[in-house]
């Protein structure tokens, strides 16, 4: 698994909620700022995010 996520791309949070990556919060890129559906932003750990499988 690649440790670096791409800003602006959609990922799944906890396998359920589609979020958009905004930017890494720390230098080690283990916590990312994400935009949730609606006007809210939160910081989440990298291991809670997974790529959306394209078919």
Protein backbone atom coordinates (compact mmCIF):
# COMPACT_ATOMS: atom_id res chain seq x y z
CA UNK A 1 0.00 0.00 0.00
CA UNK A 2 1.29 3.40 -0.93
CA UNK A 3 1.60 5.67 2.12
CA UNK A 4 1.01 8.91 0.26
CA UNK A 5 -2.54 9.85 -0.68
CA UNK A 6 -3.32 12.22 -3.54
CA UNK A 7 -4.95 15.55 -2.66
CA UNK A 8 -8.24 16.14 -4.45
CA UNK A 9 -8.93 12.44 -4.98
CA UNK A 10 -11.82 10.55 -3.39
CA UNK A 11 -11.24 7.78 -0.85
CA UNK A 12 -13.43 5.69 1.44
CA UNK A 13 -13.38 6.50 5.15
CA UNK A 14 -13.87 3.36 7.26
CA UNK A 15 -15.04 1.58 4.10
CA UNK A 16 -18.35 3.48 4.08
CA UNK A 17 -18.14 7.25 3.55
CA UNK A 18 -16.70 8.85 0.42
CA UNK A 19 -14.37 11.72 1.37
CA UNK A 20 -12.01 14.02 -0.55
CA UNK A 21 -8.39 14.30 0.59
CA UNK A 22 -7.36 17.90 1.24
CA UNK A 23 -3.78 17.64 2.55
CA UNK A 24 -1.52 15.81 5.02
CA UNK A 25 -1.59 17.26 8.52
CA UNK A 26 1.80 16.02 9.73
CA UNK A 27 5.22 15.55 8.15
CA UNK A 28 5.09 11.78 8.32
CA UNK A 29 1.82 11.82 6.33
CA UNK A 30 -0.02 9.53 8.73
CA UNK A 31 -2.87 11.99 9.39
CA UNK A 32 -4.80 13.68 6.60
CA UNK A 33 -7.34 16.48 6.47
CA UNK A 34 -10.44 15.28 4.59
CA UNK A 35 -13.68 16.86 3.43
CA UNK A 36 -16.79 14.92 4.42
CA UNK A 37 -20.10 15.10 2.57
CA UNK A 38 -21.61 18.46 3.43
CA UNK A 39 -19.56 21.40 4.68
CA UNK A 40 -17.35 19.62 7.21
CA UNK A 41 -13.65 18.85 7.45
CA UNK A 42 -11.89 16.48 9.84
CA UNK A 43 -8.47 14.97 10.42
CA UNK A 44 -8.23 11.18 10.14
CA UNK A 45 -5.48 8.59 10.36
CA UNK A 46 -4.14 7.13 7.12
CA UNK A 47 -5.15 3.59 8.05
CA UNK A 48 -8.86 4.58 8.06
CA UNK A 49 -8.71 5.60 4.38
CA UNK A 50 -8.74 3.27 1.38
CA UNK A 51 -8.77 3.85 -2.34
CA UNK A 52 -12.04 3.52 -4.21
CA UNK A 53 -11.78 0.61 -6.62
CA UNK A 54 -12.34 1.76 -10.20
CA UNK A 55 -14.10 -0.73 -12.49
